[in-house]
Protein backbone atom coordinates (compact mmCIF):
# COMPACT_ATOMS: atom_id res chain seq x y z
CA UNK A 1 -23.30 10.08 -18.17
CA UNK A 2 -21.77 10.78 -14.77
CA UNK A 3 -21.53 8.21 -12.00
CA UNK A 4 -24.31 8.72 -9.38
CA UNK A 5 -23.88 6.66 -6.21
CA UNK A 6 -26.97 5.47 -4.31
CA UNK A 7 -25.50 6.73 -1.04
CA UNK A 8 -23.88 10.15 -1.16
CA UNK A 9 -21.11 10.72 1.36
CA UNK A 10 -20.95 14.40 0.44
CA UNK A 11 -23.82 16.50 -0.97
CA UNK A 12 -24.20 16.92 -4.71
CA UNK A 13 -22.89 20.12 -6.20
CA UNK A 14 -20.08 20.71 -3.72
CA UNK A 15 -17.65 23.45 -4.74
CA UNK A 16 -14.71 22.90 -2.42
CA UNK A 17 -11.65 24.82 -3.66
CA UNK A 18 -9.06 22.12 -3.12
CA UNK A 19 -6.38 23.93 -5.11
CA UNK A 20 -6.26 26.66 -2.50
CA UNK A 21 -4.38 24.18 -0.33
CA UNK A 22 -2.05 22.96 -3.06
CA UNK A 23 1.11 24.45 -1.53
CA UNK A 24 0.33 23.10 1.94
CA UNK A 25 -0.38 19.65 0.52
CA UNK A 26 2.86 19.50 -1.45
CA UNK A 27 4.97 20.85 1.43
CA UNK A 28 3.51 18.42 3.99
CA UNK A 29 3.93 15.53 1.56
CA UNK A 30 7.54 16.47 0.82
CA UNK A 31 8.36 16.68 4.54
CA UNK A 32 6.75 13.31 5.33
CA UNK A 33 8.42 11.59 2.36
CA UNK A 34 11.84 13.07 3.23
CA UNK A 35 11.47 11.92 6.83
CA UNK A 36 10.44 8.46 5.58
CA UNK A 37 13.53 8.20 3.39
CA UNK A 38 15.69 9.16 6.38
CA UNK A 39 13.95 6.49 8.50
CA UNK A 40 14.61 3.95 5.75
CA UNK A 41 18.35 4.43 6.26
CA UNK A 42 18.12 4.69 10.06
CA UNK A 43 16.83 2.77 11.92
CA UNK A 44 15.77 0.95 8.74
CA UNK A 45 13.11 -1.61 7.95
CA UNK A 46 12.37 -4.55 10.21
CA UNK A 47 13.24 -7.20 7.64
CA UNK A 48 11.22 -10.39 7.84
CA UNK A 49 12.50 -13.92 7.47
CA UNK A 50 12.14 -13.75 3.68
CA UNK A 51 14.78 -11.01 3.51
CA UNK A 52 17.06 -11.77 6.44
CA UNK A 53 17.00 -15.57 6.36
CA UNK A 54 15.29 -18.07 8.60
CA UNK A 55 13.57 -21.43 8.87
CA UNK A 56 10.15 -22.21 7.41
CA UNK A 57 8.18 -25.24 8.64
CA UNK A 58 4.99 -26.50 6.98
CA UNK A 59 2.77 -28.71 9.11
CA UNK A 60 -0.68 -30.31 8.93
CA UNK A 61 -2.91 -30.71 11.98
CA UNK A 62 -5.50 -33.50 12.39
CA UNK A 63 -8.35 -30.98 12.43
CA UNK A 64 -8.75 -27.24 11.73
CA UNK A 65 -5.72 -25.47 13.15
CA UNK A 66 -6.11 -23.54 16.41
CA UNK A 67 -3.50 -20.82 15.99
CA UNK A 68 -3.77 -19.56 19.55
CA UNK A 69 -3.09 -23.04 20.92
CA UNK A 70 -0.23 -23.56 18.44
CA UNK A 71 1.46 -20.32 19.47
CA UNK A 72 1.09 -21.22 23.13
CA UNK A 73 2.47 -24.72 22.53
CA UNK A 74 5.48 -23.36 20.61
CA UNK A 75 6.19 -20.83 23.36
CA UNK A 76 6.05 -23.58 25.99
CA UNK A 77 8.48 -25.65 23.89
CA UNK A 78 11.00 -22.79 23.81
CA UNK A 79 10.03 -21.17 20.49
CA UNK A 80 8.30 -17.94 21.61
CA UNK A 81 8.86 -15.74 18.54
CA UNK A 82 7.50 -18.00 15.82
CA UNK A 83 5.30 -16.54 13.11
CA UNK A 84 2.28 -18.79 12.57
CA UNK A 85 -0.12 -18.45 9.65
CA UNK A 86 -2.57 -20.50 7.61
CA UNK A 87 -1.91 -21.53 4.04
CA UNK A 88 -3.97 -23.75 1.79
CA UNK A 89 -6.40 -25.92 3.76
CA UNK A 90 -7.68 -25.06 7.26
CA UNK A 91 -5.46 -27.85 8.58
CA UNK A 92 -2.25 -26.50 7.00
CA UNK A 93 0.03 -24.29 9.05
CA UNK A 94 3.10 -22.30 8.03
CA UNK A 95 5.60 -21.51 10.79
CA UNK A 96 8.40 -18.97 10.28
CA UNK A 97 11.42 -18.94 12.57
CA UNK A 98 14.58 -16.92 12.80
CA UNK A 99 17.74 -18.78 11.83
CA UNK A 100 19.76 -20.02 14.81
CA UNK A 101 23.26 -18.60 15.07
CA UNK A 102 24.71 -22.07 14.81
CA UNK A 103 23.56 -23.81 11.61
CA UNK A 104 23.82 -27.19 13.36
CA UNK A 105 21.09 -26.05 15.78
CA UNK A 106 18.47 -25.98 13.04
CA UNK A 107 17.50 -29.62 13.62
CA UNK A 108 17.13 -28.96 17.37
CA UNK A 109 14.89 -25.99 16.58
CA UNK A 110 12.69 -28.13 14.34
CA UNK A 111 12.43 -30.73 17.11
CA UNK A 112 11.23 -28.02 19.50
CA UNK A 113 8.66 -26.95 16.95
CA UNK A 114 7.44 -30.53 16.60
CA UNK A 115 7.19 -30.88 20.38
CA UNK A 116 5.16 -27.66 20.59
CA UNK A 117 2.86 -28.79 17.78
CA UNK A 118 2.26 -32.18 19.40
CA UNK A 119 1.37 -30.43 22.64
CA UNK A 120 -1.07 -28.08 20.93
CA UNK A 121 -2.51 -30.56 18.41
CA UNK A 122 -1.46 -34.21 18.92
CA UNK A 123 -0.99 -36.03 15.64
CA UNK A 124 0.31 -33.03 13.73
CA UNK A 125 2.69 -33.96 10.90
CA UNK A 126 5.57 -31.80 9.65
CA UNK A 127 5.36 -31.78 5.85
CA UNK A 128 8.39 -29.70 4.92
CA UNK A 129 11.27 -27.77 6.48
CA UNK A 130 13.25 -25.16 4.54
CA UNK A 131 16.11 -22.95 5.66
CA UNK A 132 16.36 -19.60 3.87
CA UNK A 133 20.00 -18.57 3.72
CA UNK A 134 21.46 -15.07 3.56
CA UNK A 135 22.23 -15.26 -0.17
CA UNK A 136 18.68 -16.38 -1.00
CA UNK A 137 17.28 -13.61 1.21
CA UNK A 138 19.38 -10.99 -0.57
CA UNK A 139 18.14 -12.25 -3.93
CA UNK A 140 14.52 -12.15 -2.74
CA UNK A 141 15.02 -8.57 -1.55
CA UNK A 142 16.49 -7.51 -4.91
CA UNK A 143 13.63 -9.23 -6.76
CA UNK A 144 11.07 -7.51 -4.55
CA UNK A 145 12.58 -4.08 -5.20
CA UNK A 146 12.79 -4.90 -8.91
CA UNK A 147 9.08 -5.77 -8.92
CA UNK A 148 8.26 -2.41 -7.36
CA UNK A 149 10.43 -0.58 -9.90
CA UNK A 150 8.91 -2.39 -12.88
CA UNK A 151 5.39 -1.72 -11.62
CA UNK A 152 6.14 2.01 -11.38
CA UNK A 153 7.52 2.00 -14.92
CA UNK A 154 4.47 0.17 -16.27
CA UNK A 155 2.15 2.64 -14.55
CA UNK A 156 4.08 5.53 -16.11
CA UNK A 157 3.78 3.99 -19.59
CA UNK A 158 0.07 3.21 -19.14
CA UNK A 159 -0.92 6.69 -17.99
CA UNK A 160 1.38 8.35 -20.55
CA UNK A 161 -0.42 6.55 -23.40
CA UNK A 162 -3.88 7.03 -21.91
CA UNK A 163 -3.46 10.73 -21.00
CA UNK A 164 -1.11 13.60 -21.77
CA UNK A 165 2.41 13.42 -20.32
CA UNK A 166 1.54 15.93 -17.60
CA UNK A 167 -0.91 13.40 -16.15
CA UNK A 168 1.68 10.61 -16.26
CA UNK A 169 4.37 12.63 -14.50
CA UNK A 170 1.92 13.80 -11.85
CA UNK A 171 0.70 10.27 -11.18
CA UNK A 172 4.13 8.64 -10.98
CA UNK A 173 5.62 11.36 -8.76
CA UNK A 174 2.61 11.01 -6.46
CA UNK A 175 2.92 7.21 -6.38
CA UNK A 176 6.59 7.51 -5.44
CA UNK A 177 5.61 9.80 -2.57
CA UNK A 178 2.91 7.30 -1.54
CA UNK A 179 5.45 4.46 -1.46
CA UNK A 180 7.98 6.45 0.58
CA UNK A 181 5.33 7.31 3.17
CA UNK A 182 4.33 3.64 3.36
CA UNK A 183 7.98 2.72 3.96
CA UNK A 184 8.10 5.30 6.75
CA UNK A 185 4.95 3.77 8.26
CA UNK A 186 6.56 0.32 8.22
CA UNK A 187 9.70 1.64 9.90
CA UNK A 188 7.76 3.42 12.65
CA UNK A 189 5.40 0.52 13.35
CA UNK A 190 8.22 -2.07 13.05
CA UNK A 191 5.96 -4.36 11.05
CA UNK A 192 8.06 -7.07 9.39
CA UNK A 193 8.97 -6.20 5.81
CA UNK A 194 8.79 -9.40 3.79
CA UNK A 195 7.32 -10.65 0.52
CA UNK A 196 3.82 -10.16 1.94
CA UNK A 197 4.62 -6.47 2.45
CA UNK A 198 5.92 -6.19 -1.10
CA UNK A 199 2.52 -7.53 -2.17
CA UNK A 200 0.81 -4.97 0.08
CA UNK A 201 2.76 -2.10 -1.49
CA UNK A 202 1.98 -3.36 -5.00
CA UNK A 203 -1.71 -3.54 -4.03
CA UNK A 204 -1.56 0.03 -2.71
CA UNK A 205 0.04 1.16 -5.98
CA UNK A 206 -2.76 -0.49 -7.96
CA UNK A 207 -5.48 1.04 -5.78
CA UNK A 208 -3.88 4.50 -5.82
CA UNK A 209 -3.44 4.36 -9.60
CA UNK A 210 -7.09 3.42 -10.10
CA UNK A 211 -8.17 6.30 -7.87
CA UNK A 212 -6.09 8.79 -9.83
CA UNK A 213 -7.30 7.48 -13.19
CA UNK A 214 -10.92 8.05 -12.11
CA UNK A 215 -10.17 11.69 -11.26
CA UNK A 216 -8.01 12.12 -14.38
CA UNK A 217 -10.80 10.78 -16.60
CA UNK A 218 -13.19 13.41 -15.29
CA UNK A 219 -10.56 16.12 -15.78
CA UNK A 220 -10.06 15.03 -19.38
CA UNK A 221 -13.82 15.06 -19.99
CA UNK A 222 -14.08 18.54 -18.53
CA UNK A 223 -11.13 19.79 -20.58
CA UNK A 224 -13.20 19.01 -23.67
CA UNK A 225 -16.46 20.24 -22.18
CA UNK A 226 -15.28 23.56 -20.69
CA UNK A 227 -12.83 24.83 -23.24
CA UNK A 228 -12.30 28.26 -21.65
CA UNK A 229 -12.46 27.40 -17.96
CA UNK A 230 -9.14 28.08 -16.16
CA UNK A 231 -7.35 24.86 -15.27
CA UNK A 232 -7.41 25.57 -11.53
CA UNK A 233 -11.20 25.85 -11.51
CA UNK A 234 -11.54 22.83 -13.81
CA UNK A 235 -9.45 20.64 -11.49
CA UNK A 236 -11.52 21.72 -8.47
CA UNK A 237 -14.71 20.99 -10.38
CA UNK A 238 -13.49 17.54 -11.46
CA UNK A 239 -12.44 16.56 -7.94
CA UNK A 240 -15.80 17.68 -6.53
CA UNK A 241 -17.68 15.73 -9.19
CA UNK A 242 -15.81 12.51 -8.40
CA UNK A 243 -15.62 13.03 -4.63
CA UNK A 244 -18.50 10.69 -3.81
CA UNK A 245 -17.02 7.91 -5.93
CA UNK A 246 -13.52 8.43 -4.54
CA UNK A 247 -14.62 8.44 -0.90
CA UNK A 248 -17.11 5.62 -1.46
CA UNK A 249 -14.49 3.33 -2.97
CA UNK A 250 -11.97 4.21 -0.28
CA UNK A 251 -14.41 3.55 2.55
CA UNK A 252 -15.45 0.22 1.03
CA UNK A 253 -11.86 -1.04 0.80
CA UNK A 254 -11.03 0.45 4.21
CA UNK A 255 -13.96 -1.25 5.94
CA UNK A 256 -13.18 -4.55 4.18
CA UNK A 257 -9.58 -4.43 5.43
CA UNK A 258 -10.41 -3.35 8.98
CA UNK A 259 -11.51 -6.79 10.31
CA UNK A 260 -8.32 -8.34 8.92
CA UNK A 261 -6.27 -5.77 10.81
CA UNK A 262 -7.80 -6.84 14.14
CA UNK A 263 -8.56 -10.53 13.61
CA UNK A 264 -6.44 -11.66 10.65
CA UNK A 265 -3.57 -13.21 12.55
CA UNK A 266 0.05 -12.12 12.51
CA UNK A 267 0.71 -12.02 8.76
CA UNK A 268 -2.70 -10.90 7.50
CA UNK A 269 -2.91 -8.28 10.25
CA UNK A 270 0.36 -6.67 9.17
CA UNK A 271 -0.82 -6.73 5.55
CA UNK A 272 -4.16 -5.16 6.50
CA UNK A 273 -2.67 -2.35 8.61
CA UNK A 274 -0.38 -1.45 5.73
CA UNK A 275 -3.35 -1.47 3.36
CA UNK A 276 -5.36 0.79 5.67
CA UNK A 277 -2.53 3.30 5.76
CA UNK A 278 -2.07 3.07 1.98
CA UNK A 279 -5.78 3.68 1.34
CA UNK A 280 -5.73 6.90 3.37
CA UNK A 281 -2.49 8.07 1.73
CA UNK A 282 -3.55 7.10 -1.79
CA UNK A 283 -6.94 8.80 -1.53
CA UNK A 284 -5.59 12.04 -0.08
CA UNK A 285 -2.68 12.16 -2.54
CA UNK A 286 -5.06 12.04 -5.51
CA UNK A 287 -6.54 15.35 -4.34
CA UNK A 288 -3.70 17.18 -2.64
CA UNK A 289 -0.63 15.91 -4.53
CA UNK A 290 -1.47 14.59 -8.00
CA UNK A 291 -3.90 17.42 -8.80
CA UNK A 292 -1.53 20.28 -7.79
CA UNK A 293 1.33 18.71 -9.76
CA UNK A 294 -0.95 18.51 -12.81
CA UNK A 295 -1.89 22.16 -12.27
CA UNK A 296 1.74 23.28 -12.17
CA UNK A 297 2.74 21.21 -15.20
CA UNK A 298 -0.31 21.85 -17.35
CA UNK A 299 -1.50 25.35 -16.53
CA UNK A 300 0.07 26.84 -19.67
CA UNK A 301 -0.01 23.66 -21.80
CA UNK A 302 -3.36 22.00 -21.24
CA UNK A 303 -5.05 25.40 -21.09
CA UNK A 304 -3.15 27.58 -23.56
CA UNK A 305 -4.80 30.93 -24.05
CA UNK A 306 -6.83 30.86 -20.83
CA UNK A 307 -4.35 32.67 -18.61
CA UNK A 308 -6.07 36.00 -19.20
CA UNK A 309 -9.48 34.43 -18.61
CA UNK A 310 -8.26 33.03 -15.33
CA UNK A 311 -6.99 36.43 -14.21
CA UNK A 312 -10.26 38.07 -15.16
CA UNK A 313 -12.27 35.46 -13.27
CA UNK A 314 -10.06 35.89 -10.20
CA UNK A 315 -10.51 39.67 -10.28
CA UNK A 316 -14.28 39.24 -10.66
CA UNK A 317 -14.36 37.13 -7.46
């Protein structure tokens, strides 16, 4: 029984021939991903405190934290570039600072932070102060990249066991292209790349994988149902049949992330903007990247013996 949404974004029975644009989709994707890789090397990512080192201060205000007042108080105390975010209770505040050039100046920096906090919210207590050194930052960066690599490997194994290998290769190649484009987006926007951004990329990978599995499931069903249909037509049919679900899910996640992008504060806003970009890229890549790769890899394997039928159908049109 096929999924039937209550609200249809596109009409039922659409017959859009997505595979006609397969070459354009792959070429545009390759150009964008190549440019993103080049941007990764120059000018490079804007590494956050987690990866370049810095000072982290945890504080607790007497009442619910007013982040606007805290930022203004820190700026007045001589700490204008502090990253302020909420963690835990509404009264708990996490402040991220760049490391001073002179290590002995760290205590002076913390004193400025305390002065700014007392001005913004008298009675605020500093709970903890940590300095993240260069060696720790390098280790965090390596661990973050390792997490991304392991997640890609696990996705490959999962899809390989669930579908034929052509599906797995198509999905993983597409996910790699999605990640490179997201890296390019981060370089262009100069959003800080830290552990939060690693979490955003992992979330995008999970969302994009789920989107591709939905389309792949319908393709597998149709492979069994239409045993003589040429693979190109079958892929178009499967995408059209799942288009409402794909767009509906994407719009739901997109609209849920949009308020965070505008009102989520410094850290959540950066996370949300990255998610918004990843949703658009992940949804479009399921149609214009993953599907064409599957067509190229499986045309004579998933549909053996239908080459002549495909030619005949093309001539009939």
